[in-house]
Amino acid sequence: MKDNKYNMKVLIQTQYKEWYGCEDNVGVEGHGRYKNKGGHDFVTLVDEHVYMYDRQAIEDAFNMEHNKPGSYTRCEILDIQPCYRAPEEIVLDIKSGVLNG
């Protein structure tokens, strides 16, 4: 995506799935199933107007690449969230009896 002042980072959280079944009929019902294998996160740039008013366009573009029917692996979108900036690293002065053996 071309960089512009309206771009923002978004976090796409997904359920990662692998095909378990006949490898000649990947994705065909009755020949196997997709098994959940954990989460997988993606970060991408999107125009903030698209994020606010047309999230379906983001989902459609993602699904064309990462959730194709008949693919051996698939990622199903669970949530799309904004990531405006990197998390701030902090240092805490933790006082705990657990550490004072």
Protein backbone atom coordinates (compact mmCIF):
# COMPACT_ATOMS: atom_id res chain seq x y z
CA MET A 1 0.00 0.00 0.00
CA LYS A 2 1.22 3.45 -0.89
CA ASP A 3 2.22 5.38 2.23
CA ASN A 4 0.01 8.37 3.00
CA LYS A 5 -0.92 10.42 6.04
CA TYR A 6 -4.19 8.50 6.45
CA ASN A 7 -2.57 5.06 6.79
CA MET A 8 -2.73 3.30 10.10
CA LYS A 9 -1.52 -0.06 11.35
CA VAL A 10 -4.11 -2.65 12.25
CA LEU A 11 -3.69 -5.95 14.06
CA ILE A 12 -5.58 -8.84 12.48
CA GLN A 13 -6.02 -11.65 14.99
CA THR A 14 -6.84 -15.03 13.48
CA GLN A 15 -7.46 -18.70 14.21
CA TYR A 16 -4.85 -20.74 12.32
CA LYS A 17 -6.20 -24.01 10.87
CA GLU A 18 -4.62 -26.98 9.10
CA TRP A 19 -6.31 -29.57 6.90
CA TYR A 20 -6.52 -33.10 8.29
CA GLY A 21 -7.76 -35.54 5.71
CA CYS A 22 -7.42 -36.64 2.11
CA GLU A 23 -4.73 -34.53 0.47
CA ASP A 24 -6.29 -35.05 -2.96
CA ASN A 25 -9.49 -33.35 -1.76
CA VAL A 26 -8.26 -30.54 0.50
CA GLY A 27 -11.18 -28.55 1.86
CA VAL A 28 -13.85 -30.89 0.49
CA GLU A 29 -16.45 -31.79 3.11
CA GLY A 30 -16.55 -35.52 3.81
CA HIS A 31 -12.84 -35.96 3.00
CA GLY A 32 -11.43 -34.41 6.17
CA ARG A 33 -11.65 -31.29 8.28
CA TYR A 34 -9.76 -28.19 9.29
CA LYS A 35 -8.27 -28.47 12.77
CA ASN A 36 -7.61 -25.39 14.91
CA LYS A 37 -3.89 -25.08 15.59
CA GLY A 38 -3.71 -21.84 17.59
CA GLY A 39 -3.69 -18.15 16.95
CA HIS A 40 -1.75 -16.21 14.35
CA ASP A 41 -1.51 -12.42 14.27
CA PHE A 42 -0.86 -10.13 11.31
CA VAL A 43 -0.11 -6.39 11.16
CA THR A 44 -0.81 -4.36 8.04
CA LEU A 45 -1.31 -0.78 6.90
CA VAL A 46 -4.80 0.33 5.90
CA ASP A 47 -6.35 3.68 5.16
CA GLU A 48 -8.07 4.92 8.34
CA HIS A 49 -11.26 5.68 6.39
CA VAL A 50 -11.43 2.07 5.23
CA TYR A 51 -10.89 0.87 8.80
CA MET A 52 -13.65 3.12 10.13
CA TYR A 53 -16.26 2.69 7.40
CA ASP A 54 -15.53 -0.45 5.35
CA ARG A 55 -13.93 -3.21 7.43
CA GLN A 56 -15.47 -5.76 5.10
CA ALA A 57 -13.00 -4.60 2.43
CA ILE A 58 -10.13 -5.44 4.82
CA GLU A 59 -11.62 -8.86 5.55
CA ASP A 60 -12.18 -9.58 1.85
CA ALA A 61 -8.59 -8.65 0.93
CA PHE A 62 -7.23 -10.75 3.82
CA ASN A 63 -9.39 -13.76 2.99
CA MET A 64 -8.30 -13.73 -0.67
CA GLU A 65 -4.73 -14.34 0.49
CA HIS A 66 -4.94 -16.18 3.82
CA ASN A 67 -8.33 -17.93 4.02
CA LYS A 68 -8.76 -19.45 0.57
CA PRO A 69 -11.18 -22.37 0.25
CA GLY A 70 -9.26 -25.52 -0.62
CA SER A 71 -5.98 -24.33 0.91
CA TYR A 72 -4.03 -26.70 3.16
CA THR A 73 -3.79 -23.97 5.81
CA ARG A 74 -6.27 -21.19 6.53
CA CYS A 75 -6.51 -18.23 8.89
CA GLU A 76 -10.00 -17.21 10.02
CA ILE A 77 -10.30 -13.60 11.24
CA LEU A 78 -11.34 -13.28 14.88
CA ASP A 79 -10.81 -9.53 15.31
CA ILE A 80 -9.32 -6.45 13.69
CA GLN A 81 -7.94 -3.79 16.03
CA PRO A 82 -6.05 -0.55 15.55
CA CYS A 83 -2.35 -0.40 16.49
CA TYR A 84 -1.69 3.30 16.54
CA ARG A 85 1.78 3.05 18.04
CA ALA A 86 4.25 0.59 19.44
CA PRO A 87 3.69 -0.41 23.07
CA GLU A 88 5.59 1.69 25.58
CA GLU A 89 8.29 -0.17 27.50
CA ILE A 90 8.23 0.56 31.23
CA VAL A 91 10.21 -0.52 34.28
CA LEU A 92 8.33 -1.34 37.47
CA ASP A 93 9.69 -1.37 41.01
CA ILE A 94 7.92 -4.53 42.16
CA LYS A 95 8.03 -5.37 45.85
CA SER A 96 7.03 -8.92 46.59
CA GLY A 97 7.56 -11.30 49.47
CA VAL A 98 7.96 -14.13 46.97
CA LEU A 99 11.37 -12.75 45.92
CA ASN A 100 12.68 -12.23 49.47
CA GLY A 101 13.47 -15.89 50.18
